Amino acid sequence: MNGTDTLFWRLSGSALTRPHVTWAWLLESTPDWELFVRACAEAVGRLPRLTHRVTDSPLRTGPPSWTADPDFRLSRHVHRVRLPAPGGPRELLDTVEWRISTAFDPLHPPWEITLVEDYETDRAAVVLKWHHSLGDAVTIVAAVRRLMENTPPAASSHAAPLPPPGTGTPAETSNTDSFGMSRTIGALVEAARTAARSSARVLSGPGPAGDRARSAGRTASQLLPPASPSPLLAKRSSAIDCGMMTVSLAELKAAGKRAGVSVTSAYVSAVLGAFHRYHDHHGLVRDTVPVLVPVSFREAHETGAGNLIAGVLIAGPIGDMSARSRMVSVHTAVAEARGSVAREVCTVMADMGALVPEPLYRHLAPTLLRRIDVVVTSVPGLPGNAQVAGSRVVNAVPWAPRGGAAANISMASHGDLCGIGTNLDPAAITDARLFHHFLEDSFEETLGCARHPAGPPRVNHPGPPRSARTGADG
């Protein structure tokens, strides 16, 4: 594991910060179960990492390693459930909340996929969950895209063979024999040396020493929230309250273009508009809240598992302003924060953070991360013609981990749609129905920036109006 992978794995120690990423694919029809299992087997055959588990050191400090699971069994990771009638968005969200809140067995690979049948009439959904240490969203999406571009499972007479259990390179094998402790200490020393060498390389690289030091200082400053947390969102719990909605990708792009900002800035702005409304409803005037926006360092040529991401912290504008002004303010704040983050420095900081003992990390991480109020995530989506076991994907909705924040609002594009998943802490946001009402209103205002003044604002929903939370508001 690299340093960032290790930090995500360490977050597993607390239910408050458990880093599970979940994705629901809404299907046009219900795929045949045997074909679905065959497709999963073929995917595992092409991606050996899916048969590996995490092996931590006895001291639980330094980066863990991926080792082949000698007891790997596909049926442990591939599931099938049926929704109770009426089988609408609310019942699907109940299933999503159930799967997100379930911890992975550390003795086996940290991923699972569930075929959810009886979602609406003659339809189904697929709920994919993986541990963030396995890879960032860009990695997972790239892998899924690659798998979906291959021959459909129906064209294959048998599943691709799985790698033999217990296989792996010598470096991946477990170190639990009589020499395990000495090897662990040696690996820990080498990890510390690597972090020290990387730090020295960053500080002694080309360019004026003052510039390098300032770059390191600016990156390190991202550890400190740029705004004080909101007292309205102060309480935290490990409970999960999920919702979903869908908006037009073309209209969101057009709204950003009209304001001279990116589609991501338009999206983040609409989310913060909902928090403005929520605070205003409770009579609390706030100009900003601390917001974390994950960014990818991955270059186009960089592939493979693992995480190449960092988070930029901004003072998210939630004051009383127009949607256009909020978009411009968000765009400026993200650009300034993104410009202060150096990939090399982030890598060094993550490698050094991986040396923190797991028990200490388990106690410190929730305290530090709860000072972030909102996480706003945007990930690439699937191609519009994506299929699962012969069934077309009509929409895709992601849910990213809160990491101790009051909420994580996540978006993924799919064809002409943007699926938005909300992961709320009910201790912080006590009225989820009201918040989703405000989220819909804020997106309507944001999308309205791209429409003709006479055109009625609209938001596309996967169900009845006001269905983002309950699926039955009407």
Protein backbone atom coordinates (compact mmCIF):
# COMPACT_ATOMS: atom_id res chain seq x y z
CA MET A 1 0.00 0.00 0.00
CA ASN A 2 1.07 3.56 -0.51
CA GLY A 3 0.72 6.14 2.23
CA THR A 4 -2.75 7.29 1.17
CA ASP A 5 -4.03 3.71 0.92
CA THR A 6 -2.72 3.12 4.44
CA LEU A 7 -4.47 6.18 5.84
CA PHE A 8 -7.77 4.97 4.40
CA TRP A 9 -7.22 1.51 5.88
CA ARG A 10 -6.50 3.03 9.30
CA LEU A 11 -9.83 4.89 9.13
CA SER A 12 -11.54 1.47 9.41
CA GLY A 13 -10.80 1.49 13.14
CA SER A 14 -13.75 3.78 13.89
CA ALA A 15 -17.34 3.40 12.73
CA LEU A 16 -17.45 7.20 12.52
CA THR A 17 -14.75 7.32 9.82
CA ARG A 18 -15.25 3.96 8.07
CA PRO A 19 -14.20 4.62 4.42
CA HIS A 20 -16.68 2.61 2.37
CA VAL A 21 -17.49 3.78 -1.17
CA THR A 22 -20.81 2.60 -2.59
CA TRP A 23 -22.30 2.80 -6.05
CA ALA A 24 -25.82 1.89 -7.18
CA TRP A 25 -26.43 1.10 -10.84
CA LEU A 26 -30.10 1.28 -11.76
CA LEU A 27 -30.82 -1.31 -14.46
CA GLU A 28 -33.40 -1.35 -17.24
CA SER A 29 -34.27 -4.98 -16.54
CA THR A 30 -33.42 -7.78 -14.13
CA PRO A 31 -30.38 -9.75 -15.32
CA ASP A 32 -30.24 -13.53 -15.12
CA TRP A 33 -28.61 -14.51 -11.81
CA GLU A 34 -26.27 -17.08 -13.36
CA LEU A 35 -25.08 -14.58 -15.95
CA PHE A 36 -24.55 -12.01 -13.20
CA VAL A 37 -22.41 -14.41 -11.17
CA ARG A 38 -20.48 -15.37 -14.31
CA ALA A 39 -19.79 -11.70 -15.06
CA CYS A 40 -18.50 -11.20 -11.51
CA ALA A 41 -16.27 -14.26 -11.82
CA GLU A 42 -14.83 -12.98 -15.08
CA ALA A 43 -14.18 -9.59 -13.49
CA VAL A 44 -12.32 -11.23 -10.60
CA GLY A 45 -10.32 -13.29 -13.07
CA ARG A 46 -9.14 -10.13 -14.84
CA LEU A 47 -8.51 -8.15 -11.64
CA PRO A 48 -6.44 -10.32 -9.25
CA ARG A 49 -6.45 -7.58 -6.61
CA LEU A 50 -10.05 -8.57 -5.90
CA THR A 51 -8.77 -11.86 -4.47
CA HIS A 52 -6.32 -10.15 -2.07
CA ARG A 53 -6.84 -9.21 1.55
CA VAL A 54 -5.02 -6.70 3.74
CA THR A 55 -2.24 -8.01 5.95
CA ASP A 56 -1.23 -5.55 8.67
CA SER A 57 1.92 -5.64 10.72
CA PRO A 58 1.79 -6.94 14.32
CA LEU A 59 2.66 -3.44 15.51
CA ARG A 60 -0.06 -1.92 13.27
CA THR A 61 2.22 0.85 12.11
CA GLY A 62 3.68 1.44 8.69
CA PRO A 63 1.99 0.43 5.43
CA PRO A 64 0.12 -2.91 5.33
CA SER A 65 0.45 -5.21 2.34
CA TRP A 66 -1.94 -6.98 0.00
CA THR A 67 -1.72 -10.77 0.21
CA ALA A 68 -3.67 -13.47 -1.59
CA ASP A 69 -6.67 -14.73 0.39
CA PRO A 70 -6.09 -18.48 0.75
CA ASP A 71 -9.81 -18.94 1.47
CA PHE A 72 -11.16 -16.73 -1.32
CA ARG A 73 -14.71 -17.66 -2.28
CA LEU A 74 -16.73 -15.66 -4.79
CA SER A 75 -19.99 -16.32 -2.97
CA ARG A 76 -18.66 -14.39 0.02
CA HIS A 77 -18.59 -11.21 -2.08
CA VAL A 78 -21.47 -11.62 -4.57
CA HIS A 79 -24.97 -11.38 -3.08
CA ARG A 80 -28.60 -11.33 -4.15
CA VAL A 81 -31.53 -9.68 -2.34
CA ARG A 82 -35.15 -8.87 -3.13
CA LEU A 83 -36.74 -5.61 -2.07
CA PRO A 84 -39.98 -5.69 -0.12
CA ALA A 85 -43.01 -4.25 -1.91
CA PRO A 86 -43.43 -1.63 -3.30
CA GLY A 87 -39.71 -1.80 -4.15
CA GLY A 88 -39.14 1.87 -4.88
CA PRO A 89 -36.32 4.37 -4.16
CA ARG A 90 -36.91 4.29 -0.40
CA GLU A 91 -36.54 0.51 -0.22
CA LEU A 92 -33.38 0.71 -2.36
CA LEU A 93 -31.96 3.40 -0.05
CA ASP A 94 -32.65 1.17 2.94
CA THR A 95 -30.52 -1.50 1.28
CA VAL A 96 -27.76 1.00 0.52
CA GLU A 97 -27.69 2.19 4.15
CA TRP A 98 -27.56 -1.42 5.34
CA ARG A 99 -24.61 -2.27 3.11
CA ILE A 100 -22.68 0.94 3.85
CA SER A 101 -22.96 0.40 7.61
CA THR A 102 -21.65 -3.18 7.46
CA ALA A 103 -17.93 -3.55 8.18
CA PHE A 104 -15.74 -5.67 5.93
CA ASP A 105 -14.25 -8.86 7.34
CA PRO A 106 -10.50 -8.02 7.56
CA LEU A 107 -9.65 -11.65 6.79
CA HIS A 108 -11.00 -11.35 3.24
CA PRO A 109 -10.85 -8.92 0.29
CA PRO A 110 -12.71 -5.67 1.14
CA TRP A 111 -15.36 -5.49 -1.58
CA GLU A 112 -18.83 -6.79 -2.34
CA ILE A 113 -21.49 -6.54 -5.02
CA THR A 114 -25.22 -7.14 -4.55
CA LEU A 115 -27.91 -7.71 -7.17
CA VAL A 116 -31.07 -6.02 -5.87
CA GLU A 117 -34.17 -7.47 -7.48
CA ASP A 118 -37.76 -6.14 -7.50
CA TYR A 119 -36.62 -2.51 -7.75
CA GLU A 120 -39.72 -0.99 -9.34
CA THR A 121 -41.57 -3.10 -11.93
CA ASP A 122 -39.40 -5.65 -13.76
CA ARG A 123 -36.26 -3.70 -12.93
CA ALA A 124 -33.26 -4.20 -10.68
CA ALA A 125 -30.25 -2.43 -9.25
CA VAL A 126 -26.67 -3.38 -8.49
CA VAL A 127 -25.03 -2.10 -5.29
CA LEU A 128 -21.22 -2.17 -5.44
CA LYS A 129 -19.23 -1.44 -2.27
CA TRP A 130 -15.48 -1.31 -1.81
CA HIS A 131 -13.03 -0.16 0.82
CA HIS A 132 -11.31 3.08 -0.17
CA SER A 133 -7.89 1.52 0.45
CA LEU A 134 -8.55 -0.69 -2.59
CA GLY A 135 -8.50 2.33 -4.88
CA ASP A 136 -9.91 5.77 -5.54
CA ALA A 137 -13.04 6.33 -7.61
CA VAL A 138 -11.03 7.06 -10.77
CA THR A 139 -9.30 3.67 -10.44
CA ILE A 140 -12.52 1.76 -9.83
CA VAL A 141 -14.42 3.52 -12.62
CA ALA A 142 -11.58 2.86 -15.07
CA ALA A 143 -11.57 -0.83 -14.12
CA VAL A 144 -15.36 -1.11 -14.43
CA ARG A 145 -15.30 0.66 -17.80
CA ARG A 146 -12.64 -1.73 -19.03
CA LEU A 147 -14.63 -4.74 -17.88
CA MET A 148 -17.85 -3.48 -19.47
CA GLU A 149 -16.08 -2.94 -22.80
CA ASN A 150 -15.20 -6.64 -22.95
CA THR A 151 -17.34 -9.41 -24.43
CA PRO A 152 -20.68 -9.73 -22.61
CA PRO A 153 -20.79 -12.73 -20.29
CA ALA A 154 -23.54 -14.39 -22.36
CA ALA A 155 -21.02 -14.85 -25.18
CA SER A 156 -18.70 -16.85 -22.94
CA SER A 157 -19.30 -20.53 -22.20
CA HIS A 158 -17.61 -20.46 -18.84
CA ALA A 159 -16.24 -18.07 -16.27
CA ALA A 160 -12.65 -16.95 -16.43
CA PRO A 161 -10.50 -19.01 -14.06
CA LEU A 162 -9.71 -17.43 -10.72
CA PRO A 163 -6.11 -17.12 -9.59
CA PRO A 164 -5.09 -20.07 -7.39
CA PRO A 165 -5.69 -19.27 -3.70
CA GLY A 166 -2.66 -18.45 -1.65
CA THR A 167 -0.55 -17.35 -4.62
CA GLY A 168 1.37 -14.11 -4.76
CA THR A 169 4.82 -12.70 -4.95
CA PRO A 170 7.20 -13.31 -2.03
CA ALA A 171 6.71 -9.70 -0.99
CA GLU A 172 2.97 -10.30 -0.69
CA THR A 173 3.10 -13.37 1.53
CA SER A 174 2.22 -13.14 5.20
CA ASN A 175 4.95 -12.56 7.74
CA THR A 176 3.45 -14.37 10.68
CA ASP A 177 6.21 -16.94 11.21
CA SER A 178 8.84 -16.84 13.97
CA PHE A 179 10.76 -14.19 12.09
CA GLY A 180 7.67 -12.05 11.48
CA MET A 181 8.44 -9.46 14.15
CA SER A 182 11.98 -8.82 12.95
CA ARG A 183 10.78 -8.51 9.37
CA THR A 184 8.03 -6.14 10.52
CA ILE A 185 10.54 -3.93 12.32
CA GLY A 186 12.77 -3.98 9.27
CA ALA A 187 9.88 -2.99 7.02
CA LEU A 188 8.93 -0.22 9.43
CA VAL A 189 12.48 1.14 9.44
CA GLU A 190 12.58 1.02 5.65
CA ALA A 191 9.22 2.85 5.46
CA ALA A 192 10.59 5.57 7.74
CA ARG A 193 13.71 5.84 5.58
CA THR A 194 11.59 6.10 2.45
CA ALA A 195 9.50 8.90 3.97
CA ALA A 196 12.66 10.71 5.08
CA ARG A 197 14.27 10.36 1.65
CA SER A 198 11.10 11.58 -0.05
CA SER A 199 10.92 14.56 2.29
CA ALA A 200 14.57 15.42 1.64
CA ARG A 201 14.02 15.11 -2.11
CA VAL A 202 11.07 17.50 -2.01
CA LEU A 203 12.95 20.07 0.05
CA SER A 204 16.18 19.78 -1.95
CA GLY A 205 14.73 19.55 -5.45
CA PRO A 206 15.29 22.06 -8.26
CA GLY A 207 14.33 25.67 -7.72
CA PRO A 208 14.91 28.17 -4.92
CA ALA A 209 14.86 26.65 -1.44
CA GLY A 210 12.42 29.30 -0.26
CA ASP A 211 9.92 28.35 -2.97
CA ARG A 212 10.14 24.68 -2.04
CA ALA A 213 9.66 25.44 1.63
CA ARG A 214 6.70 27.69 0.88
CA SER A 215 5.15 24.96 -1.29
CA ALA A 216 5.50 22.48 1.55
CA GLY A 217 4.06 25.01 3.98
CA ARG A 218 1.06 25.76 1.74
CA THR A 219 0.30 22.06 1.38
CA ALA A 220 0.65 21.47 5.11
CA SER A 221 -1.68 24.39 5.78
CA GLN A 222 -4.43 22.39 4.09
CA LEU A 223 -4.58 20.30 7.27
CA LEU A 224 -6.15 23.27 9.05
CA PRO A 225 -9.80 24.05 8.23
CA PRO A 226 -10.09 27.53 6.67
CA ALA A 227 -13.37 28.22 8.48
CA SER A 228 -14.81 27.39 11.87
CA PRO A 229 -17.33 24.53 11.97
CA SER A 230 -21.01 25.39 12.11
CA PRO A 231 -22.65 24.89 15.53
CA LEU A 232 -25.76 23.70 13.69
CA LEU A 233 -23.82 20.70 12.34
CA ALA A 234 -21.69 20.06 15.43
CA LYS A 235 -23.03 16.69 16.58
CA ARG A 236 -21.63 13.50 15.07
CA SER A 237 -22.61 9.83 15.03
CA SER A 238 -21.92 6.69 13.03
CA ALA A 239 -25.53 6.55 11.81
CA ILE A 240 -26.22 6.85 8.08
CA ASP A 241 -29.05 8.62 6.29
CA CYS A 242 -28.90 8.24 2.49
CA GLY A 243 -30.79 9.95 -0.31
CA MET A 244 -30.50 10.30 -4.08
CA MET A 245 -31.57 12.54 -6.91
CA THR A 246 -30.77 13.10 -10.59
CA VAL A 247 -30.11 16.28 -12.56
CA SER A 248 -29.32 17.04 -16.18
CA LEU A 249 -25.58 16.99 -16.97
CA ALA A 250 -26.06 19.26 -19.99
CA GLU A 251 -27.89 21.87 -17.92
CA LEU A 252 -25.34 21.72 -15.12
CA LYS A 253 -22.53 22.24 -17.65
CA ALA A 254 -24.44 25.10 -19.23
CA ALA A 255 -25.02 26.74 -15.84
CA GLY A 256 -21.29 26.58 -15.09
CA LYS A 257 -20.42 27.90 -18.55
CA ARG A 258 -22.84 30.81 -18.15
CA ALA A 259 -21.05 31.75 -14.91
CA GLY A 260 -17.61 31.15 -16.42
CA VAL A 261 -16.79 28.21 -14.12
CA SER A 262 -16.37 24.44 -14.38
CA VAL A 263 -19.22 21.96 -14.06
CA THR A 264 -17.66 20.80 -10.77
CA SER A 265 -17.79 24.33 -9.37
CA ALA A 266 -21.44 24.61 -10.41
CA TYR A 267 -22.17 21.33 -8.65
CA VAL A 268 -20.35 22.27 -5.43
CA SER A 269 -22.11 25.63 -5.47
CA ALA A 270 -25.55 24.00 -5.70
CA VAL A 271 -24.72 21.76 -2.74
CA LEU A 272 -23.62 24.75 -0.65
CA GLY A 273 -26.79 26.58 -1.65
CA ALA A 274 -28.72 23.83 0.15
CA PHE A 275 -26.65 24.38 3.29
CA HIS A 276 -27.39 28.11 3.07
CA ARG A 277 -31.10 27.36 3.00
CA TYR A 278 -30.81 24.84 5.84
CA HIS A 279 -28.97 27.33 8.07
CA ASP A 280 -31.34 30.15 7.13
CA HIS A 281 -34.34 27.95 8.02
CA HIS A 282 -32.87 27.42 11.51
CA GLY A 283 -32.21 31.13 11.94
CA LEU A 284 -28.41 30.81 11.87
CA VAL A 285 -26.46 33.29 9.74
CA ARG A 286 -23.18 31.85 8.45
CA ASP A 287 -20.91 33.12 5.69
CA THR A 288 -18.82 29.95 5.39
CA VAL A 289 -18.42 26.36 6.54
CA PRO A 290 -15.31 24.15 6.20
CA VAL A 291 -15.66 22.06 3.04
CA LEU A 292 -13.41 19.28 1.76
CA VAL A 293 -13.23 18.72 -2.01
CA PRO A 294 -11.26 15.60 -3.05
CA VAL A 295 -9.02 16.08 -6.11
CA SER A 296 -7.19 13.49 -8.20
CA PHE A 297 -3.45 13.59 -8.90
CA ARG A 298 -3.72 10.76 -11.41
CA GLU A 299 -2.28 11.49 -14.84
CA ALA A 300 -3.87 10.08 -17.98
CA HIS A 301 -1.12 7.48 -18.34
CA GLU A 302 -1.30 6.33 -14.70
CA THR A 303 -3.33 3.18 -14.15
CA GLY A 304 -3.56 0.50 -11.52
CA ALA A 305 -5.00 0.13 -8.07
CA GLY A 306 -4.42 2.43 -5.14
CA ASN A 307 -5.20 6.05 -4.36
CA LEU A 308 -3.67 9.09 -6.02
CA ILE A 309 -5.90 11.72 -4.44
CA ALA A 310 -5.83 14.49 -1.90
CA GLY A 311 -8.43 16.76 -0.37
CA VAL A 312 -8.46 20.54 -0.65
CA LEU A 313 -10.10 22.50 2.14
CA ILE A 314 -12.07 25.64 1.34
CA ALA A 315 -14.23 28.07 3.24
CA GLY A 316 -17.45 27.05 1.52
CA PRO A 317 -19.65 30.11 0.87
CA ILE A 318 -23.12 29.56 2.34
CA GLY A 319 -24.03 33.22 2.79
CA ASP A 320 -26.99 34.95 1.15
CA MET A 321 -25.97 35.39 -2.51
CA SER A 322 -27.14 34.57 -6.00
CA ALA A 323 -26.41 31.18 -7.56
CA ARG A 324 -24.08 32.82 -10.08
CA SER A 325 -22.10 34.63 -7.36
CA ARG A 326 -21.83 31.43 -5.34
CA MET A 327 -20.49 29.55 -8.37
CA VAL A 328 -17.80 32.17 -8.96
CA SER A 329 -16.87 32.23 -5.27
CA VAL A 330 -16.59 28.43 -5.13
CA HIS A 331 -14.53 28.29 -8.32
CA THR A 332 -12.07 30.87 -7.00
CA ALA A 333 -11.74 29.15 -3.63
CA VAL A 334 -11.16 25.68 -5.14
CA ALA A 335 -8.65 27.01 -7.68
CA GLU A 336 -6.64 28.77 -4.97
CA ALA A 337 -6.68 25.73 -2.68
CA ARG A 338 -5.84 23.36 -5.55
CA GLY A 339 -2.90 25.56 -6.53
CA SER A 340 -1.46 25.31 -3.02
CA VAL A 341 -1.39 21.51 -3.00
CA ALA A 342 1.73 19.84 -4.37
CA ARG A 343 1.50 16.16 -5.25
CA GLU A 344 5.02 15.41 -4.01
CA VAL A 345 4.41 17.04 -0.65
CA CYS A 346 1.06 15.26 -0.23
CA THR A 347 2.77 11.95 -0.97
CA VAL A 348 5.44 12.60 1.66
CA MET A 349 2.84 13.65 4.25
CA ALA A 350 0.77 10.52 3.57
CA ASP A 351 3.85 8.29 3.85
CA MET A 352 4.75 9.89 7.17
CA GLY A 353 1.17 9.61 8.39
CA ALA A 354 1.24 5.88 7.62
CA LEU A 355 3.87 5.50 10.36
CA VAL A 356 1.41 6.59 13.05
CA PRO A 357 0.39 3.55 15.15
CA GLU A 358 -3.15 2.38 14.41
CA PRO A 359 -4.49 2.78 17.98
CA LEU A 360 -3.34 6.41 18.08
CA TYR A 361 -4.75 7.03 14.61
CA ARG A 362 -8.09 5.52 15.63
CA HIS A 363 -8.44 8.05 18.46
CA LEU A 364 -7.03 11.12 16.68
CA ALA A 365 -8.66 10.84 13.25
CA PRO A 366 -12.30 11.31 14.34
CA THR A 367 -11.39 14.35 16.43
CA LEU A 368 -9.54 16.00 13.55
CA LEU A 369 -11.93 15.06 10.75
CA ARG A 370 -15.10 16.15 12.54
CA ARG A 371 -13.91 19.75 12.15
CA ILE A 372 -14.90 19.41 8.49
CA ASP A 373 -18.62 20.04 8.01
CA VAL A 374 -19.16 18.99 4.40
CA VAL A 375 -17.40 16.77 1.85
CA VAL A 376 -18.40 17.31 -1.79
CA THR A 377 -17.26 14.57 -4.16
CA SER A 378 -17.41 14.33 -7.94
CA VAL A 379 -16.29 11.18 -9.78
CA PRO A 380 -16.30 10.09 -13.44
CA GLY A 381 -19.22 7.94 -14.45
CA LEU A 382 -19.95 5.01 -16.70
CA PRO A 383 -20.47 5.25 -20.46
CA GLY A 384 -24.06 5.75 -21.48
CA ASN A 385 -24.24 2.30 -23.11
CA ALA A 386 -22.95 0.40 -20.05
CA GLN A 387 -24.51 -3.00 -19.36
CA VAL A 388 -24.43 -5.48 -16.49
CA ALA A 389 -24.94 -9.12 -17.50
CA GLY A 390 -26.89 -7.95 -20.56
CA SER A 391 -29.05 -5.39 -18.71
CA ARG A 392 -28.56 -1.73 -19.62
CA VAL A 393 -27.55 0.72 -16.88
CA VAL A 394 -30.00 3.64 -17.00
CA ASN A 395 -28.51 5.64 -14.10
CA ALA A 396 -25.73 5.43 -11.53
CA VAL A 397 -25.61 7.02 -8.07
CA PRO A 398 -22.53 7.12 -5.78
CA TRP A 399 -22.26 7.44 -2.01
CA ALA A 400 -18.83 8.37 -0.63
CA PRO A 401 -17.77 8.12 3.05
CA ARG A 402 -18.28 11.09 5.34
CA GLY A 403 -14.98 10.57 7.15
CA GLY A 404 -16.36 12.27 10.26
CA ALA A 405 -18.04 15.17 8.44
CA ALA A 406 -21.73 16.01 8.78
CA ALA A 407 -22.39 15.07 5.15
CA ASN A 408 -20.80 13.82 1.97
CA ILE A 409 -22.66 14.74 -1.21
CA SER A 410 -21.38 12.74 -4.19
CA MET A 411 -22.04 13.00 -7.92
CA ALA A 412 -21.27 10.74 -10.88
CA SER A 413 -22.26 11.32 -14.49
CA HIS A 414 -23.98 8.68 -16.58
CA GLY A 415 -24.76 9.58 -20.17
CA ASP A 416 -26.77 12.81 -20.01
CA LEU A 417 -27.53 12.45 -16.30
CA CYS A 418 -25.81 13.24 -13.03
CA GLY A 419 -26.65 10.86 -10.21
CA ILE A 420 -26.28 12.49 -6.79
CA GLY A 421 -26.05 10.49 -3.57
CA THR A 422 -26.30 12.08 -0.14
CA ASN A 423 -24.67 10.48 2.90
CA LEU A 424 -25.91 12.46 5.90
CA ASP A 425 -25.21 12.16 9.60
CA PRO A 426 -28.66 12.33 11.24
CA ALA A 427 -27.07 13.64 14.44
CA ALA A 428 -25.82 16.71 12.54
CA ILE A 429 -28.62 17.10 9.96
CA THR A 430 -31.66 16.19 12.00
CA ASP A 431 -34.26 16.85 9.28
CA ALA A 432 -33.10 14.95 6.20
CA ARG A 433 -36.42 15.45 4.39
CA LEU A 434 -36.13 19.22 4.74
CA PHE A 435 -32.48 19.19 3.67
CA HIS A 436 -33.30 17.26 0.48
CA HIS A 437 -36.09 19.71 -0.24
CA PHE A 438 -33.52 22.52 -0.01
CA LEU A 439 -31.04 20.54 -2.14
CA GLU A 440 -33.61 20.21 -4.92
CA ASP A 441 -34.46 23.91 -4.70
CA SER A 442 -30.80 24.89 -4.83
CA PHE A 443 -30.17 22.77 -7.93
CA GLU A 444 -33.26 24.27 -9.56
CA GLU A 445 -31.86 27.75 -8.93
CA THR A 446 -28.40 26.77 -10.21
CA LEU A 447 -29.71 25.07 -13.35
CA GLY A 448 -31.98 28.05 -13.90
CA CYS A 449 -28.88 30.16 -14.60
CA ALA A 450 -28.57 28.37 -17.95
CA ARG A 451 -32.21 28.51 -18.95
CA HIS A 452 -34.23 31.15 -20.69
CA PRO A 453 -35.92 33.35 -18.05
CA ALA A 454 -39.31 32.17 -19.27
CA GLY A 455 -38.35 28.51 -19.03
CA PRO A 456 -39.65 26.69 -15.96
CA PRO A 457 -36.95 25.29 -13.70
CA ARG A 458 -36.95 21.53 -13.41
CA VAL A 459 -35.04 18.71 -11.78
CA ASN A 460 -35.19 15.16 -13.13
CA HIS A 461 -35.96 12.55 -10.47
CA PRO A 462 -35.63 8.77 -10.40
CA GLY A 463 -39.06 8.65 -8.79
CA PRO A 464 -41.95 10.95 -7.83
CA PRO A 465 -41.28 14.63 -7.01
CA ARG A 466 -39.56 15.24 -3.68
CA SER A 467 -38.38 11.60 -3.77
CA ALA A 468 -34.73 12.25 -2.96
CA ARG A 469 -35.11 11.09 0.63
CA THR A 470 -38.26 9.04 1.10
CA GLY A 471 -39.39 7.99 -2.36
CA ALA A 472 -42.94 8.68 -1.25
CA ASP A 473 -43.38 12.36 -0.55
CA GLY A 474 -45.59 13.14 -3.48
